[in-house]
């Protein structure tokens, strides 16, 4: 009996370590998307075309997963449509358009204001009370955001770029709200996260096809060389990296992480994406941030951590529900279910 208990604890410890490894790998992969995309945009490729190549390429790779979970298209069409339009197409399109005008790190730090916006949704749209911890998280995030954009200097960055980055934050907020619907409910059992990702990418690719008009894409640019870290790389290798590593592997690693960790822990580790993106942009693109941006970025991340871990205050006699599905529920068979990551 004691031997079985020791084996179980060892297995749990291994799962946690593996989960942390997958979460770090996912954050590292996601964090490299902007750094790989910016040289293509500066080379002359439209940011929407870069996004379309990323999403359409990843959707093509994950088609077998979509086929395996084809019942989802019939069972949860609204969830898949919302996830594809907002959490996939919206986030990526706004973010890539933003980094065409402002530094990669600044764009991603503003995007990570999204978890704080979730609390506004809970309080003012759902009209549910929020905890003091959540309010403190929002205060940190707002203060940090003011530092990142240097409001005292009359906005130190391109205003349109900042607005686009905030659009990405709003879409990320929508992702967390949609993730709250990725649990067991009256609509049926929780949808499989891999199926949601695969169909989200397909829907996102369809939407971006209509918006970006890829038939106008300058395909000849893929045969040219783009500058990165003072060197020259074939442009098509950067696109391949964006599709296979920063999208397909990033999403898959994220799912593996959530299955081995609680969603709050996986979400906190995922916030390292902003740090990784900033460091990579500093090293590879020479995009240096000032002291105000560094301090502000730290405050934004602290606020995002706090907001993501906070739960709404419960009414007397009610059981507290998680913010946007940030706390795992258990199915009747004991398996944890949760929403999927952006």
Protein backbone atom coordinates (compact mmCIF):
# COMPACT_ATOMS: atom_id res chain seq x y z
CA UNK A 1 0.00 0.00 0.00
CA UNK A 2 2.77 2.43 0.94
CA UNK A 3 4.65 1.47 -2.21
CA UNK A 4 1.65 2.34 -4.36
CA UNK A 5 1.29 5.68 -2.57
CA UNK A 6 4.96 6.52 -3.21
CA UNK A 7 4.61 5.60 -6.89
CA UNK A 8 1.51 7.82 -7.17
CA UNK A 9 3.32 10.76 -5.57
CA UNK A 10 6.31 10.26 -7.84
CA UNK A 11 4.00 10.21 -10.86
CA UNK A 12 2.29 13.41 -9.71
CA UNK A 13 5.65 15.09 -9.16
CA UNK A 14 6.80 14.00 -12.62
CA UNK A 15 3.57 15.32 -14.17
CA UNK A 16 4.07 18.72 -12.49
CA UNK A 17 7.66 18.99 -13.69
CA UNK A 18 6.64 17.91 -17.19
CA UNK A 19 3.75 20.37 -17.11
CA UNK A 20 6.05 23.24 -16.16
CA UNK A 21 8.40 22.23 -18.97
CA UNK A 22 5.56 22.21 -21.50
CA UNK A 23 4.27 25.57 -20.21
CA UNK A 24 7.73 27.14 -20.55
CA UNK A 25 8.14 25.65 -24.03
CA UNK A 26 4.74 27.05 -25.02
CA UNK A 27 5.61 30.53 -23.70
CA UNK A 28 8.97 30.43 -25.48
CA UNK A 29 7.33 29.38 -28.76
CA UNK A 30 4.56 31.99 -28.58
CA UNK A 31 7.08 34.66 -27.57
CA UNK A 32 9.07 34.16 -30.76
CA UNK A 33 6.22 34.98 -33.14
CA UNK A 34 6.61 38.75 -33.17
CA UNK A 35 10.38 38.59 -33.53
CA UNK A 36 10.07 36.34 -36.58
CA UNK A 37 7.21 38.34 -38.12
CA UNK A 38 8.65 41.85 -37.81
CA UNK A 39 11.52 41.34 -40.34
CA UNK A 40 8.92 40.15 -42.88
CA UNK A 41 6.75 43.20 -42.25
CA UNK A 42 9.73 45.53 -42.51
CA UNK A 43 10.69 43.79 -45.75
CA UNK A 44 7.40 44.93 -47.27
CA UNK A 45 4.93 42.13 -46.51
CA UNK A 46 1.55 43.32 -45.22
CA UNK A 47 1.00 42.39 -41.56
CA UNK A 48 -2.40 40.83 -42.39
CA UNK A 49 -0.72 38.63 -45.00
CA UNK A 50 1.79 37.43 -42.41
CA UNK A 51 -1.08 36.60 -40.05
CA UNK A 52 -2.95 34.78 -42.83
CA UNK A 53 0.11 32.67 -43.68
CA UNK A 54 0.51 31.82 -40.01
CA UNK A 55 -3.09 30.86 -39.30
CA UNK A 56 -3.84 29.19 -42.65
CA UNK A 57 -0.60 27.19 -42.51
CA UNK A 58 -1.27 26.02 -38.96
CA UNK A 59 -4.88 25.15 -39.83
CA UNK A 60 -3.62 23.00 -42.70
CA UNK A 61 -1.19 21.18 -40.40
CA UNK A 62 -3.92 20.52 -37.81
CA UNK A 63 -6.58 19.35 -40.28
CA UNK A 64 -6.23 15.73 -39.04
CA UNK A 65 -7.16 16.91 -35.53
CA UNK A 66 -10.19 18.75 -36.90
CA UNK A 67 -11.33 15.59 -38.66
CA UNK A 68 -10.84 13.52 -35.52
CA UNK A 69 -13.03 15.95 -33.52
CA UNK A 70 -15.47 16.70 -36.36
CA UNK A 71 -18.48 16.26 -34.07
CA UNK A 72 -17.56 19.59 -32.42
CA UNK A 73 -18.68 21.51 -35.50
CA UNK A 74 -22.20 20.24 -34.86
CA UNK A 75 -22.15 20.32 -31.06
CA UNK A 76 -20.57 23.73 -30.30
CA UNK A 77 -20.65 25.88 -33.46
CA UNK A 78 -21.02 29.20 -31.59
CA UNK A 79 -18.02 28.48 -29.36
CA UNK A 80 -15.85 27.50 -32.34
CA UNK A 81 -16.92 30.57 -34.32
CA UNK A 82 -16.21 32.92 -31.43
CA UNK A 83 -12.89 31.29 -30.69
CA UNK A 84 -11.81 31.47 -34.33
CA UNK A 85 -12.90 35.06 -34.95
CA UNK A 86 -11.72 36.65 -31.67
CA UNK A 87 -9.19 34.40 -29.91
CA UNK A 88 -7.36 33.42 -33.11
CA UNK A 89 -7.93 35.89 -35.96
CA UNK A 90 -8.58 38.96 -33.79
CA UNK A 91 -5.64 38.59 -31.42
CA UNK A 92 -3.14 37.79 -34.16
CA UNK A 93 -4.33 40.44 -36.64
CA UNK A 94 -4.34 43.25 -34.07
CA UNK A 95 -1.00 42.20 -32.56
CA UNK A 96 0.86 41.88 -35.88
CA UNK A 97 -0.60 45.18 -37.09
CA UNK A 98 0.50 46.80 -33.82
CA UNK A 99 4.13 45.61 -33.96
CA UNK A 100 4.40 47.07 -37.44
CA UNK A 101 4.18 50.46 -35.67
CA UNK A 102 5.50 49.92 -32.13
CA UNK A 103 8.18 47.68 -30.54
CA UNK A 104 7.36 43.98 -30.16
CA UNK A 105 7.74 44.07 -26.37
CA UNK A 106 5.44 47.07 -25.94
CA UNK A 107 2.77 45.49 -28.14
CA UNK A 108 2.79 42.25 -26.19
CA UNK A 109 2.83 43.97 -22.78
CA UNK A 110 -0.29 45.92 -23.77
CA UNK A 111 -1.89 42.72 -25.05
CA UNK A 112 -1.33 41.12 -21.64
CA UNK A 113 -3.63 43.74 -20.19
CA UNK A 114 -6.34 41.31 -21.39
CA UNK A 115 -6.64 39.29 -18.15
CA UNK A 116 -7.35 42.51 -16.26
CA UNK A 117 -10.09 43.42 -18.75
CA UNK A 118 -11.78 40.12 -17.86
CA UNK A 119 -12.51 41.54 -14.42
CA UNK A 120 -14.27 44.50 -16.03
CA UNK A 121 -16.40 42.05 -18.02
CA UNK A 122 -17.29 40.12 -14.86
CA UNK A 123 -18.12 43.26 -12.86
CA UNK A 124 -19.92 45.46 -15.40
CA UNK A 125 -21.34 43.05 -17.99
CA UNK A 126 -22.12 39.98 -15.89
CA UNK A 127 -22.78 42.26 -12.87
CA UNK A 128 -20.99 39.92 -10.49
CA UNK A 129 -18.89 41.17 -7.58
CA UNK A 130 -15.12 40.75 -7.78
CA UNK A 131 -12.62 40.19 -4.99
CA UNK A 132 -10.30 42.81 -3.54
CA UNK A 133 -7.39 40.80 -4.96
CA UNK A 134 -8.86 41.21 -8.44
CA UNK A 135 -9.22 44.98 -7.98
CA UNK A 136 -5.59 45.22 -6.86
CA UNK A 137 -4.55 43.27 -9.97
CA UNK A 138 -6.42 45.71 -12.22
CA UNK A 139 -4.81 48.67 -10.40
CA UNK A 140 -1.33 47.22 -10.99
CA UNK A 141 -2.12 46.54 -14.66
CA UNK A 142 -3.52 50.03 -15.31
CA UNK A 143 -0.53 51.68 -13.61
CA UNK A 144 1.87 49.49 -15.53
CA UNK A 145 0.12 50.22 -18.81
CA UNK A 146 0.47 53.97 -18.17
CA UNK A 147 4.20 53.47 -17.66
CA UNK A 148 4.61 51.32 -20.77
CA UNK A 149 3.01 53.92 -23.07
CA UNK A 150 4.55 56.87 -21.15
CA UNK A 151 1.32 58.84 -20.78
CA UNK A 152 3.21 61.70 -19.11
CA UNK A 153 5.06 62.29 -22.39
CA UNK A 154 1.86 62.52 -24.41
CA UNK A 155 2.15 58.86 -25.52
CA UNK A 156 5.72 58.09 -26.47
CA UNK A 157 4.70 55.62 -29.20
CA UNK A 158 2.58 55.66 -32.33
CA UNK A 159 -1.04 56.17 -31.11
CA UNK A 160 -2.52 53.90 -33.80
CA UNK A 161 -0.05 51.16 -32.88
CA UNK A 162 -1.06 51.46 -29.23
CA UNK A 163 -4.75 51.32 -30.19
CA UNK A 164 -4.15 48.18 -32.26
CA UNK A 165 -2.30 46.56 -29.34
CA UNK A 166 -5.24 47.40 -27.07
CA UNK A 167 -7.51 45.74 -29.64
CA UNK A 168 -5.39 42.61 -29.22
CA UNK A 169 -5.87 42.89 -25.45
CA UNK A 170 -9.66 43.08 -25.92
CA UNK A 171 -9.58 39.98 -28.11
CA UNK A 172 -7.45 38.20 -25.52
CA UNK A 173 -10.08 39.15 -22.95
CA UNK A 174 -12.66 37.51 -25.23
CA UNK A 175 -10.46 34.41 -25.27
CA UNK A 176 -10.62 34.10 -21.48
CA UNK A 177 -14.38 34.66 -21.50
CA UNK A 178 -14.81 31.97 -24.17
CA UNK A 179 -12.54 29.67 -22.19
CA UNK A 180 -15.13 29.83 -19.43
CA UNK A 181 -17.53 28.08 -21.82
CA UNK A 182 -15.01 25.30 -22.40
CA UNK A 183 -16.23 23.36 -19.38
CA UNK A 184 -19.00 20.89 -18.76
CA UNK A 185 -22.36 22.62 -18.95
CA UNK A 186 -25.99 22.11 -19.83
CA UNK A 187 -24.90 22.21 -23.46
CA UNK A 188 -23.06 18.94 -23.02
CA UNK A 189 -19.58 17.72 -22.06
CA UNK A 190 -16.58 20.00 -22.34
CA UNK A 191 -15.20 20.20 -25.90
CA UNK A 192 -11.76 18.71 -26.38
CA UNK A 193 -9.19 21.57 -26.33
CA UNK A 194 -7.29 20.20 -29.33
CA UNK A 195 -10.50 20.16 -31.34
CA UNK A 196 -11.29 23.75 -30.32
CA UNK A 197 -7.80 24.85 -31.37
CA UNK A 198 -7.98 23.06 -34.73
CA UNK A 199 -11.41 24.46 -35.60
CA UNK A 200 -10.49 27.88 -34.20
CA UNK A 201 -7.57 28.02 -36.62
CA UNK A 202 -9.79 26.92 -39.52
CA UNK A 203 -12.41 29.57 -38.73
CA UNK A 204 -9.66 32.16 -38.23
CA UNK A 205 -8.13 31.27 -41.60
CA UNK A 206 -11.50 31.68 -43.34
CA UNK A 207 -12.10 35.08 -41.69
CA UNK A 208 -8.59 36.29 -42.47
CA UNK A 209 -8.93 35.14 -46.08
CA UNK A 210 -11.86 37.52 -46.50
CA UNK A 211 -10.12 40.36 -44.65
CA UNK A 212 -6.50 40.07 -45.85
CA UNK A 213 -7.19 39.12 -49.50
CA UNK A 214 -4.16 36.83 -49.82
CA UNK A 215 -4.48 36.74 -53.61
CA UNK A 216 -2.75 40.14 -53.44
CA UNK A 217 0.14 38.71 -51.42
CA UNK A 218 3.58 39.31 -52.94
CA UNK A 219 4.65 35.67 -53.00
CA UNK A 220 8.03 36.67 -54.46
CA UNK A 221 8.96 38.10 -51.05
CA UNK A 222 9.13 34.55 -49.66
CA UNK A 223 12.07 33.85 -51.98
CA UNK A 224 13.98 36.91 -50.79
CA UNK A 225 16.14 37.25 -47.69
CA UNK A 226 15.08 39.04 -44.50
CA UNK A 227 17.39 40.61 -41.95
CA UNK A 228 17.41 39.23 -38.42
CA UNK A 229 20.04 39.83 -35.74
CA UNK A 230 22.38 41.37 -38.29
CA UNK A 231 22.22 38.32 -40.56
CA UNK A 232 20.22 37.32 -43.61
CA UNK A 233 17.67 34.49 -43.62
CA UNK A 234 15.39 33.23 -46.41
CA UNK A 235 11.96 34.76 -45.75
CA UNK A 236 10.24 31.39 -46.18
CA UNK A 237 12.17 29.95 -43.21
CA UNK A 238 10.71 32.66 -40.97
CA UNK A 239 7.20 31.79 -42.19
CA UNK A 240 7.86 28.09 -41.56
CA UNK A 241 9.06 28.94 -38.04
CA UNK A 242 5.96 31.05 -37.38
CA UNK A 243 3.62 28.28 -38.57
CA UNK A 244 5.24 25.18 -37.09
CA UNK A 245 6.87 26.48 -33.90
CA UNK A 246 5.11 29.66 -32.76
CA UNK A 247 1.64 28.36 -33.65
CA UNK A 248 1.29 24.57 -33.95
CA UNK A 249 3.83 23.53 -31.30
CA UNK A 250 2.98 26.49 -29.08
CA UNK A 251 -0.70 25.52 -28.92
CA UNK A 252 0.04 21.81 -28.48
CA UNK A 253 2.56 22.45 -25.69
CA UNK A 254 0.01 24.73 -24.04
CA UNK A 255 -2.62 21.99 -24.01
CA UNK A 256 -0.14 19.46 -22.60
CA UNK A 257 0.79 21.97 -19.88
CA UNK A 258 -2.81 22.62 -18.80
CA UNK A 259 -3.46 18.87 -18.60
CA UNK A 260 -0.59 18.45 -16.13
CA UNK A 261 -0.95 21.70 -14.19
CA UNK A 262 -3.89 23.66 -12.88
CA UNK A 263 -4.98 26.28 -15.43
CA UNK A 264 -4.02 29.17 -13.09
CA UNK A 265 -0.45 27.89 -12.79
CA UNK A 266 -0.22 27.27 -16.53
CA UNK A 267 -1.62 30.75 -17.14
CA UNK A 268 0.94 32.39 -14.87
CA UNK A 269 3.80 30.60 -16.63
CA UNK A 270 2.27 31.61 -19.96
CA UNK A 271 2.66 35.28 -18.98
CA UNK A 272 6.40 34.73 -19.37
CA UNK A 273 5.63 35.02 -23.08
CA UNK A 274 5.76 38.81 -22.72
CA UNK A 275 9.15 38.66 -21.01
CA UNK A 276 10.53 36.23 -23.59
CA UNK A 277 9.26 38.33 -26.49
CA UNK A 278 10.78 41.48 -25.00
CA UNK A 279 14.16 39.85 -24.45
CA UNK A 280 14.20 38.29 -27.93
CA UNK A 281 13.27 41.64 -29.49
CA UNK A 282 16.05 43.29 -27.48
CA UNK A 283 18.66 40.75 -28.62
CA UNK A 284 17.54 40.02 -32.20
CA UNK A 285 15.87 43.28 -33.26
CA UNK A 286 17.78 45.78 -31.10
CA UNK A 287 14.47 47.10 -29.71
CA UNK A 288 15.56 48.52 -26.37
CA UNK A 289 12.99 49.49 -23.77
CA UNK A 290 13.54 52.31 -21.33
CA UNK A 291 13.36 52.05 -17.55
CA UNK A 292 9.72 53.20 -17.55
CA UNK A 293 8.71 50.44 -19.98
CA UNK A 294 10.56 47.79 -17.96
CA UNK A 295 8.94 48.88 -14.68
CA UNK A 296 5.55 49.24 -16.37
CA UNK A 297 5.88 45.84 -17.99
CA UNK A 298 6.59 44.24 -14.63
CA UNK A 299 3.48 45.92 -13.18
CA UNK A 300 1.33 44.76 -16.10
CA UNK A 301 2.52 41.16 -15.61
CA UNK A 302 1.94 41.34 -11.84
CA UNK A 303 -1.56 42.64 -12.52
CA UNK A 304 -2.17 39.89 -15.08
CA UNK A 305 -0.99 37.23 -12.59
CA UNK A 306 -3.29 38.60 -9.89
CA UNK A 307 -6.30 39.01 -12.17
CA UNK A 308 -5.91 35.54 -13.63
CA UNK A 309 -5.71 33.91 -10.20
CA UNK A 310 -8.56 35.92 -8.68
CA UNK A 311 -12.11 34.62 -8.50
CA UNK A 312 -15.33 36.65 -8.24
CA UNK A 313 -16.77 37.09 -4.78
CA UNK A 314 -19.59 34.68 -4.10
CA UNK A 315 -23.01 35.67 -2.90
CA UNK A 316 -23.99 34.14 0.45
CA UNK A 317 -24.72 30.48 0.02
CA UNK A 318 -23.32 30.39 -3.51
CA UNK A 319 -20.30 28.55 -4.66
CA UNK A 320 -17.65 30.81 -6.21
CA UNK A 321 -17.25 30.32 -9.95
CA UNK A 322 -13.91 30.83 -11.66
CA UNK A 323 -13.10 33.88 -13.73
CA UNK A 324 -13.23 32.76 -17.34
CA UNK A 325 -12.71 29.13 -16.45
CA UNK A 326 -9.41 29.80 -14.72
CA UNK A 327 -10.00 27.11 -12.10
CA UNK A 328 -10.40 23.51 -13.25
CA UNK A 329 -13.62 21.64 -12.72
CA UNK A 330 -13.84 17.88 -12.71
CA UNK A 331 -15.98 15.69 -14.82
CA UNK A 332 -17.80 12.69 -13.46
CA UNK A 333 -14.86 10.53 -14.54
CA UNK A 334 -12.45 12.68 -12.50
CA UNK A 335 -10.64 14.30 -15.45
CA UNK A 336 -9.89 18.01 -15.30
CA UNK A 337 -11.33 20.18 -18.03
CA UNK A 338 -10.57 23.76 -18.86
CA UNK A 339 -10.46 26.27 -21.65
CA UNK A 340 -7.59 26.40 -24.10
CA UNK A 341 -4.94 29.05 -24.39
CA UNK A 342 -4.67 31.60 -27.04
